[in-house]
PDB file of N, CA and C in Angstrom:
ATOM      1  N   PRO A   1     -15.006  15.199   6.085  1.00  0.00           N
ATOM      2  CA  PRO A   1     -14.328  15.375   7.364  1.00  0.00           C
ATOM      3  C   PRO A   1     -15.064  16.407   8.212  1.00  0.00           C
ATOM      4  N   ASN A   2     -15.007  16.212   9.499  1.00  0.00           N
ATOM      5  CA  ASN A   2     -15.627  17.202  10.368  1.00  0.00           C
ATOM      6  C   ASN A   2     -14.562  17.869  11.227  1.00  0.00           C
ATOM      7  N   ASN A   3     -14.935  18.975  11.834  1.00  0.00           N
ATOM      8  CA  ASN A   3     -13.986  19.746  12.634  1.00  0.00           C
ATOM      9  C   ASN A   3     -13.408  18.926  13.774  1.00  0.00           C
ATOM     10  N   PHE A   4     -14.230  18.068  14.396  1.00  0.00           N
ATOM     11  CA  PHE A   4     -13.761  17.258  15.515  1.00  0.00           C
ATOM     12  C   PHE A   4     -12.586  16.377  15.088  1.00  0.00           C
ATOM     13  N   SER A   5     -12.732  15.684  13.976  1.00  0.00           N
ATOM     14  CA  SER A   5     -11.680  14.782  13.498  1.00  0.00           C
ATOM     15  C   SER A   5     -10.394  15.534  13.183  1.00  0.00           C
ATOM     16  N   ILE A   6     -10.534  16.655  12.530  1.00  0.00           N
ATOM     17  CA  ILE A   6      -9.348  17.441  12.175  1.00  0.00           C
ATOM     18  C   ILE A   6      -8.687  18.005  13.423  1.00  0.00           C
ATOM     19  N   THR A   7      -9.490  18.514  14.356  1.00  0.00           N
ATOM     20  CA  THR A   7      -8.949  19.052  15.611  1.00  0.00           C
ATOM     21  C   THR A   7      -8.196  17.971  16.371  1.00  0.00           C
ATOM     22  N   LYS A   8      -8.776  16.781  16.493  1.00  0.00           N
ATOM     23  CA  LYS A   8      -8.121  15.677  17.205  1.00  0.00           C
ATOM     24  C   LYS A   8      -6.816  15.273  16.516  1.00  0.00           C
ATOM     25  N   THR A   9      -6.817  15.265  15.203  1.00  0.00           N
ATOM     26  CA  THR A   9      -5.608  14.925  14.459  1.00  0.00           C
ATOM     27  C   THR A   9      -4.508  15.944  14.732  1.00  0.00           C
ATOM     28  N   LEU A  10      -4.865  17.215  14.720  1.00  0.00           N
ATOM     29  CA  LEU A  10      -3.897  18.277  15.028  1.00  0.00           C
ATOM     30  C   LEU A  10      -3.391  18.154  16.462  1.00  0.00           C
ATOM     31  N   GLU A  11      -4.298  17.842  17.400  1.00  0.00           N
ATOM     32  CA  GLU A  11      -3.911  17.685  18.806  1.00  0.00           C
ATOM     33  C   GLU A  11      -2.939  16.524  19.005  1.00  0.00           C
ATOM     34  N   CYS A  12      -2.988  15.545  18.112  1.00  0.00           N
ATOM     35  CA  CYS A  12      -2.065  14.405  18.186  1.00  0.00           C
ATOM     36  C   CYS A  12      -0.689  14.750  17.617  1.00  0.00           C
ATOM     37  N   GLY A  13      -0.539  15.977  17.139  1.00  0.00           N
ATOM     38  CA  GLY A  13       0.759  16.424  16.650  1.00  0.00           C
ATOM     39  C   GLY A  13       0.962  16.305  15.154  1.00  0.00           C
ATOM     40  N   VAL A  14      -0.076  15.956  14.427  1.00  0.00           N
ATOM     41  CA  VAL A  14       0.047  15.870  12.969  1.00  0.00           C
ATOM     42  C   VAL A  14      -0.046  17.282  12.403  1.00  0.00           C
ATOM     43  N   PRO A  15       0.980  17.745  11.690  1.00  0.00           N
ATOM     44  CA  PRO A  15       0.931  19.093  11.114  1.00  0.00           C
ATOM     45  C   PRO A  15      -0.200  19.217  10.094  1.00  0.00           C
ATOM     46  N   ALA A  16      -0.810  20.377  10.045  1.00  0.00           N
ATOM     47  CA  ALA A  16      -1.946  20.615   9.141  1.00  0.00           C
ATOM     48  C   ALA A  16      -1.596  20.287   7.693  1.00  0.00           C
ATOM     49  N   GLU A  17      -0.369  20.573   7.284  1.00  0.00           N
ATOM     50  CA  GLU A  17       0.009  20.317   5.892  1.00  0.00           C
ATOM     51  C   GLU A  17       0.112  18.817   5.583  1.00  0.00           C
ATOM     52  N   ASN A  18       0.062  17.980   6.612  1.00  0.00           N
ATOM     53  CA  ASN A  18       0.111  16.532   6.410  1.00  0.00           C
ATOM     54  C   ASN A  18      -1.261  15.874   6.451  1.00  0.00           C
ATOM     55  N   ILE A  19      -2.315  16.677   6.544  1.00  0.00           N
ATOM     56  CA  ILE A  19      -3.672  16.144   6.607  1.00  0.00           C
ATOM     57  C   ILE A  19      -4.358  16.354   5.261  1.00  0.00           C
ATOM     58  N   ILE A  20      -4.790  15.263   4.661  1.00  0.00           N
ATOM     59  CA  ILE A  20      -5.599  15.345   3.447  1.00  0.00           C
ATOM     60  C   ILE A  20      -7.009  14.973   3.882  1.00  0.00           C
ATOM     61  N   ALA A  21      -7.892  15.952   3.925  1.00  0.00           N
ATOM     62  CA  ALA A  21      -9.257  15.726   4.414  1.00  0.00           C
ATOM     63  C   ALA A  21     -10.236  16.017   3.289  1.00  0.00           C
ATOM     64  N   MET A  22     -10.726  14.948   2.696  1.00  0.00           N
ATOM     65  CA  MET A  22     -11.670  15.078   1.586  1.00  0.00           C
ATOM     66  C   MET A  22     -12.895  14.239   1.909  1.00  0.00           C
ATOM     67  N   GLN A  23     -14.043  14.708   1.491  1.00  0.00           N
ATOM     68  CA  GLN A  23     -15.278  13.972   1.746  1.00  0.00           C
ATOM     69  C   GLN A  23     -15.764  13.334   0.457  1.00  0.00           C
ATOM     70  N   GLY A  24     -16.174  12.096   0.565  1.00  0.00           N
ATOM     71  CA  GLY A  24     -16.661  11.390  -0.610  1.00  0.00           C
ATOM     72  C   GLY A  24     -15.831  10.154  -0.879  1.00  0.00           C
ATOM     73  N   THR A  25     -16.197   9.433  -1.910  1.00  0.00           N
ATOM     74  CA  THR A  25     -15.422   8.261  -2.310  1.00  0.00           C
ATOM     75  C   THR A  25     -14.697   8.589  -3.609  1.00  0.00           C
ATOM     76  N   TYR A  26     -13.505   8.055  -3.730  1.00  0.00           N
ATOM     77  CA  TYR A  26     -12.666   8.363  -4.885  1.00  0.00           C
ATOM     78  C   TYR A  26     -12.084   7.077  -5.441  1.00  0.00           C
ATOM     79  N   SER A  27     -11.682   7.104  -6.668  1.00  0.00           N
ATOM     80  CA  SER A  27     -11.126   5.918  -7.319  1.00  0.00           C
ATOM     81  C   SER A  27      -9.760   5.573  -6.732  1.00  0.00           C
ATOM     82  N   LYS A  28      -9.364   4.330  -6.961  1.00  0.00           N
ATOM     83  CA  LYS A  28      -8.037   3.894  -6.528  1.00  0.00           C
ATOM     84  C   LYS A  28      -6.973   4.750  -7.200  1.00  0.00           C
ATOM     85  N   GLU A  29      -7.207   5.093  -8.469  1.00  0.00           N
ATOM     86  CA  GLU A  29      -6.230   5.895  -9.217  1.00  0.00           C
ATOM     87  C   GLU A  29      -6.051   7.284  -8.604  1.00  0.00           C
ATOM     88  N   LEU A  30      -7.153   7.926  -8.208  1.00  0.00           N
ATOM     89  CA  LEU A  30      -7.043   9.247  -7.583  1.00  0.00           C
ATOM     90  C   LEU A  30      -6.345   9.132  -6.238  1.00  0.00           C
ATOM     91  N   ASN A  31      -6.697   8.113  -5.464  1.00  0.00           N
ATOM     92  CA  ASN A  31      -6.028   7.908  -4.182  1.00  0.00           C
ATOM     93  C   ASN A  31      -4.528   7.707  -4.377  1.00  0.00           C
ATOM     94  N   MET A  32      -4.160   6.913  -5.375  1.00  0.00           N
ATOM     95  CA  MET A  32      -2.739   6.683  -5.644  1.00  0.00           C
ATOM     96  C   MET A  32      -2.044   7.976  -6.061  1.00  0.00           C
ATOM     97  N   ALA A  33      -2.711   8.766  -6.896  1.00  0.00           N
ATOM     98  CA  ALA A  33      -2.127  10.035  -7.343  1.00  0.00           C
ATOM     99  C   ALA A  33      -1.887  10.964  -6.154  1.00  0.00           C
ATOM    100  N   LEU A  34      -2.850  11.042  -5.244  1.00  0.00           N
ATOM    101  CA  LEU A  34      -2.685  11.884  -4.052  1.00  0.00           C
ATOM    102  C   LEU A  34      -1.541  11.375  -3.180  1.00  0.00           C
ATOM    103  N   MET A  35      -1.473  10.068  -3.006  1.00  0.00           N
ATOM    104  CA  MET A  35      -0.416   9.486  -2.181  1.00  0.00           C
ATOM    105  C   MET A  35       0.962   9.757  -2.772  1.00  0.00           C
ATOM    106  N   LYS A  36       1.065   9.684  -4.095  1.00  0.00           N
ATOM    107  CA  LYS A  36       2.336   9.983  -4.759  1.00  0.00           C
ATOM    108  C   LYS A  36       2.660  11.475  -4.672  1.00  0.00           C
ATOM    109  N   GLU A  37       1.665  12.327  -4.960  1.00  0.00           N
ATOM    110  CA  GLU A  37       1.867  13.781  -4.953  1.00  0.00           C
ATOM    111  C   GLU A  37       2.355  14.276  -3.596  1.00  0.00           C
ATOM    112  N   TYR A  38       1.781  13.723  -2.532  1.00  0.00           N
ATOM    113  CA  TYR A  38       2.130  14.173  -1.185  1.00  0.00           C
ATOM    114  C   TYR A  38       3.192  13.299  -0.530  1.00  0.00           C
ATOM    115  N   ASN A  39       3.771  12.376  -1.289  1.00  0.00           N
ATOM    116  CA  ASN A  39       4.823  11.502  -0.782  1.00  0.00           C
ATOM    117  C   ASN A  39       4.406  10.857   0.543  1.00  0.00           C
ATOM    118  N   VAL A  40       3.231  10.262   0.538  1.00  0.00           N
ATOM    119  CA  VAL A  40       2.644   9.678   1.739  1.00  0.00           C
ATOM    120  C   VAL A  40       3.485   8.496   2.211  1.00  0.00           C
ATOM    121  N   SER A  41       3.792   8.471   3.513  1.00  0.00           N
ATOM    122  CA  SER A  41       4.574   7.363   4.069  1.00  0.00           C
ATOM    123  C   SER A  41       3.699   6.388   4.852  1.00  0.00           C
ATOM    124  N   ALA A  42       2.473   6.790   5.184  1.00  0.00           N
ATOM    125  CA  ALA A  42       1.507   5.913   5.859  1.00  0.00           C
ATOM    126  C   ALA A  42       0.143   6.582   5.778  1.00  0.00           C
ATOM    127  N   ILE A  43      -0.918   5.771   5.826  1.00  0.00           N
ATOM    128  CA  ILE A  43      -2.252   6.359   5.900  1.00  0.00           C
ATOM    129  C   ILE A  43      -2.963   5.822   7.135  1.00  0.00           C
ATOM    130  N   ILE A  44      -3.778   6.677   7.717  1.00  0.00           N
ATOM    131  CA  ILE A  44      -4.652   6.306   8.822  1.00  0.00           C
ATOM    132  C   ILE A  44      -6.064   6.555   8.326  1.00  0.00           C
ATOM    133  N   THR A  45      -6.882   5.529   8.364  1.00  0.00           N
ATOM    134  CA  THR A  45      -8.249   5.672   7.889  1.00  0.00           C
ATOM    135  C   THR A  45      -9.182   4.888   8.788  1.00  0.00           C
ATOM    136  N   LYS A  46     -10.414   5.335   8.866  1.00  0.00           N
ATOM    137  CA  LYS A  46     -11.389   4.615   9.687  1.00  0.00           C
ATOM    138  C   LYS A  46     -12.067   3.533   8.865  1.00  0.00           C
ATOM    139  N   GLU A  47     -12.578   2.551   9.559  1.00  0.00           N
ATOM    140  CA  GLU A  47     -13.323   1.467   8.930  1.00  0.00           C
ATOM    141  C   GLU A  47     -14.669   2.029   8.487  1.00  0.00           C
ATOM    142  N   SER A  48     -14.716   2.492   7.249  1.00  0.00           N
ATOM    143  CA  SER A  48     -15.938   3.141   6.757  1.00  0.00           C
ATOM    144  C   SER A  48     -16.678   2.283   5.741  1.00  0.00           C
ATOM    145  N   GLY A  49     -16.114   1.146   5.425  1.00  0.00           N
ATOM    146  CA  GLY A  49     -16.772   0.266   4.471  1.00  0.00           C
ATOM    147  C   GLY A  49     -16.651   0.774   3.044  1.00  0.00           C
ATOM    148  N   GLU A  50     -17.315   0.060   2.157  1.00  0.00           N
ATOM    149  CA  GLU A  50     -17.243   0.404   0.732  1.00  0.00           C
ATOM    150  C   GLU A  50     -17.832   1.776   0.457  1.00  0.00           C
ATOM    151  N   SER A  51     -18.935   2.111   1.139  1.00  0.00           N
ATOM    152  CA  SER A  51     -19.586   3.400   0.886  1.00  0.00           C
ATOM    153  C   SER A  51     -18.712   4.574   1.305  1.00  0.00           C
ATOM    154  N   GLY A  52     -17.806   4.347   2.240  1.00  0.00           N
ATOM    155  CA  GLY A  52     -16.909   5.409   2.679  1.00  0.00           C
ATOM    156  C   GLY A  52     -15.601   5.450   1.912  1.00  0.00           C
ATOM    157  N   GLY A  53     -15.410   4.519   0.998  1.00  0.00           N
ATOM    158  CA  GLY A  53     -14.212   4.521   0.172  1.00  0.00           C
ATOM    159  C   GLY A  53     -12.989   3.896   0.811  1.00  0.00           C
ATOM    160  N   ALA A  54     -13.159   3.246   1.942  1.00  0.00           N
ATOM    161  CA  ALA A  54     -12.006   2.669   2.638  1.00  0.00           C
ATOM    162  C   ALA A  54     -11.282   1.637   1.781  1.00  0.00           C
ATOM    163  N   GLU A  55     -12.039   0.799   1.101  1.00  0.00           N
ATOM    164  CA  GLU A  55     -11.422  -0.279   0.329  1.00  0.00           C
ATOM    165  C   GLU A  55     -10.525   0.252  -0.787  1.00  0.00           C
ATOM    166  N   THR A  56     -10.991   1.251  -1.534  1.00  0.00           N
ATOM    167  CA  THR A  56     -10.157   1.783  -2.622  1.00  0.00           C
ATOM    168  C   THR A  56      -8.931   2.499  -2.065  1.00  0.00           C
ATOM    169  N   LYS A  57      -9.100   3.177  -0.939  1.00  0.00           N
ATOM    170  CA  LYS A  57      -7.973   3.863  -0.303  1.00  0.00           C
ATOM    171  C   LYS A  57      -6.924   2.847   0.162  1.00  0.00           C
ATOM    172  N   ILE A  58      -7.389   1.781   0.793  1.00  0.00           N
ATOM    173  CA  ILE A  58      -6.481   0.743   1.286  1.00  0.00           C
ATOM    174  C   ILE A  58      -5.788   0.043   0.120  1.00  0.00           C
ATOM    175  N   ASN A  59      -6.536  -0.304  -0.919  1.00  0.00           N
ATOM    176  CA  ASN A  59      -5.934  -0.958  -2.089  1.00  0.00           C
ATOM    177  C   ASN A  59      -4.892  -0.077  -2.756  1.00  0.00           C
ATOM    178  N   ALA A  60      -5.158   1.218  -2.827  1.00  0.00           N
ATOM    179  CA  ALA A  60      -4.188   2.149  -3.414  1.00  0.00           C
ATOM    180  C   ALA A  60      -2.905   2.163  -2.591  1.00  0.00           C
ATOM    181  N   ALA A  61      -3.051   2.248  -1.281  1.00  0.00           N
ATOM    182  CA  ALA A  61      -1.878   2.280  -0.403  1.00  0.00           C
ATOM    183  C   ALA A  61      -1.082   0.982  -0.511  1.00  0.00           C
ATOM    184  N   LEU A  62      -1.762  -0.141  -0.490  1.00  0.00           N
ATOM    185  CA  LEU A  62      -1.069  -1.428  -0.566  1.00  0.00           C
ATOM    186  C   LEU A  62      -0.341  -1.592  -1.892  1.00  0.00           C
ATOM    187  N   GLU A  63      -0.941  -1.110  -2.973  1.00  0.00           N
ATOM    188  CA  GLU A  63      -0.279  -1.201  -4.278  1.00  0.00           C
ATOM    189  C   GLU A  63       1.006  -0.374  -4.306  1.00  0.00           C
ATOM    190  N   LEU A  64       1.044   0.696  -3.516  1.00  0.00           N
ATOM    191  CA  LEU A  64       2.231   1.557  -3.453  1.00  0.00           C
ATOM    192  C   LEU A  64       3.150   1.180  -2.287  1.00  0.00           C
ATOM    193  N   ASP A  65       2.859   0.051  -1.629  1.00  0.00           N
ATOM    194  CA  ASP A  65       3.634  -0.405  -0.460  1.00  0.00           C
ATOM    195  C   ASP A  65       3.645   0.619   0.668  1.00  0.00           C
ATOM    196  N   ILE A  66       2.523   1.288   0.868  1.00  0.00           N
ATOM    197  CA  ILE A  66       2.372   2.269   1.942  1.00  0.00           C
ATOM    198  C   ILE A  66       1.639   1.589   3.096  1.00  0.00           C
ATOM    199  N   PRO A  67       2.193   1.665   4.313  1.00  0.00           N
ATOM    200  CA  PRO A  67       1.520   1.050   5.465  1.00  0.00           C
ATOM    201  C   PRO A  67       0.154   1.685   5.724  1.00  0.00           C
ATOM    202  N   VAL A  68      -0.790   0.851   6.175  1.00  0.00           N
ATOM    203  CA  VAL A  68      -2.152   1.298   6.464  1.00  0.00           C
ATOM    204  C   VAL A  68      -2.457   1.063   7.937  1.00  0.00           C
ATOM    205  N   ILE A  69      -2.969   2.085   8.594  1.00  0.00           N
ATOM    206  CA  ILE A  69      -3.476   1.961   9.958  1.00  0.00           C
ATOM    207  C   ILE A  69      -4.984   2.115   9.849  1.00  0.00           C
ATOM    208  N   LEU A  70      -5.707   1.045  10.179  1.00  0.00           N
ATOM    209  CA  LEU A  70      -7.159   1.041  10.056  1.00  0.00           C
ATOM    210  C   LEU A  70      -7.777   1.144  11.445  1.00  0.00           C
ATOM    211  N   VAL A  71      -8.521   2.210  11.673  1.00  0.00           N
ATOM    212  CA  VAL A  71      -9.202   2.415  12.946  1.00  0.00           C
ATOM    213  C   VAL A  71     -10.548   1.700  12.861  1.00  0.00           C
ATOM    214  N   MET A  72     -10.690   0.657  13.675  1.00  0.00           N
ATOM    215  CA  MET A  72     -11.899  -0.163  13.641  1.00  0.00           C
ATOM    216  C   MET A  72     -13.032   0.520  14.403  1.00  0.00           C
ATOM    217  N   ARG A  73     -14.249   0.165  14.025  1.00  0.00           N
ATOM    218  CA  ARG A  73     -15.422   0.677  14.729  1.00  0.00           C
ATOM    219  C   ARG A  73     -15.478   0.039  16.114  1.00  0.00           C
ATOM    220  N   PRO A  74     -15.896   0.807  17.119  1.00  0.00           N
ATOM    221  CA  PRO A  74     -15.978   0.232  18.473  1.00  0.00           C
ATOM    222  C   PRO A  74     -17.141  -0.755  18.585  1.00  0.00           C
ATOM    223  N   GLU A  75     -16.971  -1.716  19.483  1.00  0.00           N
ATOM    224  CA  GLU A  75     -18.062  -2.635  19.789  1.00  0.00           C
ATOM    225  C   GLU A  75     -19.090  -1.878  20.623  1.00  0.00           C
ATOM    226  N   ILE A  76     -20.346  -2.163  20.429  1.00  0.00           N
ATOM    227  CA  ILE A  76     -21.415  -1.502  21.178  1.00  0.00           C
ATOM    228  C   ILE A  76     -22.025  -2.534  22.119  1.00  0.00           C
ATOM    229  N   LYS A  77     -21.770  -2.360  23.426  1.00  0.00           N
ATOM    230  CA  LYS A  77     -22.209  -3.327  24.443  1.00  0.00           C
ATOM    231  C   LYS A  77     -23.698  -3.636  24.354  1.00  0.00           C
ATOM    232  N   GLU A  78     -24.514  -2.626  24.095  1.00  0.00           N
ATOM    233  CA  GLU A  78     -25.962  -2.817  24.063  1.00  0.00           C
ATOM    234  C   GLU A  78     -26.409  -3.775  22.957  1.00  0.00           C
ATOM    235  N   LEU A  79     -25.545  -4.024  22.001  1.00  0.00           N
ATOM    236  CA  LEU A  79     -25.901  -4.902  20.884  1.00  0.00           C
ATOM    237  C   LEU A  79     -25.376  -6.328  21.041  1.00  0.00           C
ATOM    238  N   GLU A  80     -24.751  -6.625  22.185  1.00  0.00           N
ATOM    239  CA  GLU A  80     -24.138  -7.940  22.372  1.00  0.00           C
ATOM    240  C   GLU A  80     -25.117  -9.097  22.192  1.00  0.00           C
ATOM    241  N   ASN A  81     -26.358  -8.956  22.617  1.00  0.00           N
ATOM    242  CA  ASN A  81     -27.334 -10.043  22.541  1.00  0.00           C
ATOM    243  C   ASN A  81     -28.234  -9.939  21.316  1.00  0.00           C
ATOM    244  N   HIS A  82     -27.803  -9.188  20.334  1.00  0.00           N
ATOM    245  CA  HIS A  82     -28.579  -8.996  19.113  1.00  0.00           C
ATOM    246  C   HIS A  82     -27.740  -9.419  17.912  1.00  0.00           C
ATOM    247  N   ASP A  83     -28.416  -9.674  16.803  1.00  0.00           N
ATOM    248  CA  ASP A  83     -27.696 -10.007  15.581  1.00  0.00           C
ATOM    249  C   ASP A  83     -27.069  -8.747  14.999  1.00  0.00           C
ATOM    250  N   VAL A  84     -25.771  -8.801  14.790  1.00  0.00           N
ATOM    251  CA  VAL A  84     -25.045  -7.697  14.168  1.00  0.00           C
ATOM    252  C   VAL A  84     -24.370  -8.267  12.928  1.00  0.00           C
ATOM    253  N   VAL A  85     -24.573  -7.627  11.798  1.00  0.00           N
ATOM    254  CA  VAL A  85     -23.967  -8.101  10.556  1.00  0.00           C
ATOM    255  C   VAL A  85     -23.011  -7.052  10.009  1.00  0.00           C
ATOM    256  N   ARG A  86     -22.028  -7.517   9.274  1.00  0.00           N
ATOM    257  CA  ARG A  86     -21.025  -6.621   8.722  1.00  0.00           C
ATOM    258  C   ARG A  86     -21.057  -6.592   7.200  1.00  0.00           C
ATOM    259  N   SER A  87     -21.995  -7.334   6.624  1.00  0.00           N
ATOM    260  CA  SER A  87     -22.096  -7.337   5.163  1.00  0.00           C
ATOM    261  C   SER A  87     -23.499  -7.762   4.752  1.00  0.00           C
ATOM    262  N   ILE A  88     -23.827  -7.515   3.498  1.00  0.00           N
ATOM    263  CA  ILE A  88     -25.113  -7.944   2.945  1.00  0.00           C
ATOM    264  C   ILE A  88     -25.204  -9.471   2.988  1.00  0.00           C
ATOM    265  N   GLU A  89     -24.089 -10.139   2.714  1.00  0.00           N
ATOM    266  CA  GLU A  89     -24.079 -11.599   2.734  1.00  0.00           C
ATOM    267  C   GLU A  89     -24.450 -12.132   4.113  1.00  0.00           C
ATOM    268  N   GLU A  90     -23.904 -11.529   5.179  1.00  0.00           N
ATOM    269  CA  GLU A  90     -24.245 -11.951   6.537  1.00  0.00           C
ATOM    270  C   GLU A  90     -25.720 -11.699   6.825  1.00  0.00           C
ATOM    271  N   LEU A  91     -26.241 -10.582   6.351  1.00  0.00           N
ATOM    272  CA  LEU A  91     -27.654 -10.260   6.546  1.00  0.00           C
ATOM    273  C   LEU A  91     -28.544 -11.290   5.854  1.00  0.00           C
ATOM    274  N   GLU A  92     -28.180 -11.658   4.644  1.00  0.00           N
ATOM    275  CA  GLU A  92     -28.967 -12.640   3.900  1.00  0.00           C
ATOM    276  C   GLU A  92     -28.996 -13.992   4.608  1.00  0.00           C
ATOM    277  N   LYS A  93     -27.915 -14.350   5.282  1.00  0.00           N
ATOM    278  CA  LYS A  93     -27.853 -15.637   5.984  1.00  0.00           C
ATOM    279  C   LYS A  93     -28.818 -15.703   7.163  1.00  0.00           C
ATOM    280  N   ILE A  94     -29.029 -14.579   7.841  1.00  0.00           N
ATOM    281  CA  ILE A  94     -29.889 -14.621   9.030  1.00  0.00           C
ATOM    282  C   ILE A  94     -31.343 -14.315   8.721  1.00  0.00           C
ATOM    283  N   MET A  95     -31.643 -13.903   7.504  1.00  0.00           N
ATOM    284  CA  MET A  95     -33.029 -13.564   7.155  1.00  0.00           C
ATOM    285  C   MET A  95     -33.800 -14.774   6.685  1.00  0.00           C
TER     286      MET A  95
END
């Protein structure tokens, strides 16, 4: 997490004690343990892909019936006329 993200979250009215800001990827089990420990009622996470741990975080929340708010990456206008891929499989298809 960076200061900008935490500052913006606080500015949106989220109390500091309700922010879990950890860097790295963690197992579904650890994510579930944190969600249970902090009695999480919803998670907000960015679309960070597998390397960012989004999938395990989302799977943990869904297994616990916790709503997920996924912040998608913005579209980049300059790339509209270029090939953009979202997975290795898509990359392999165009190569």
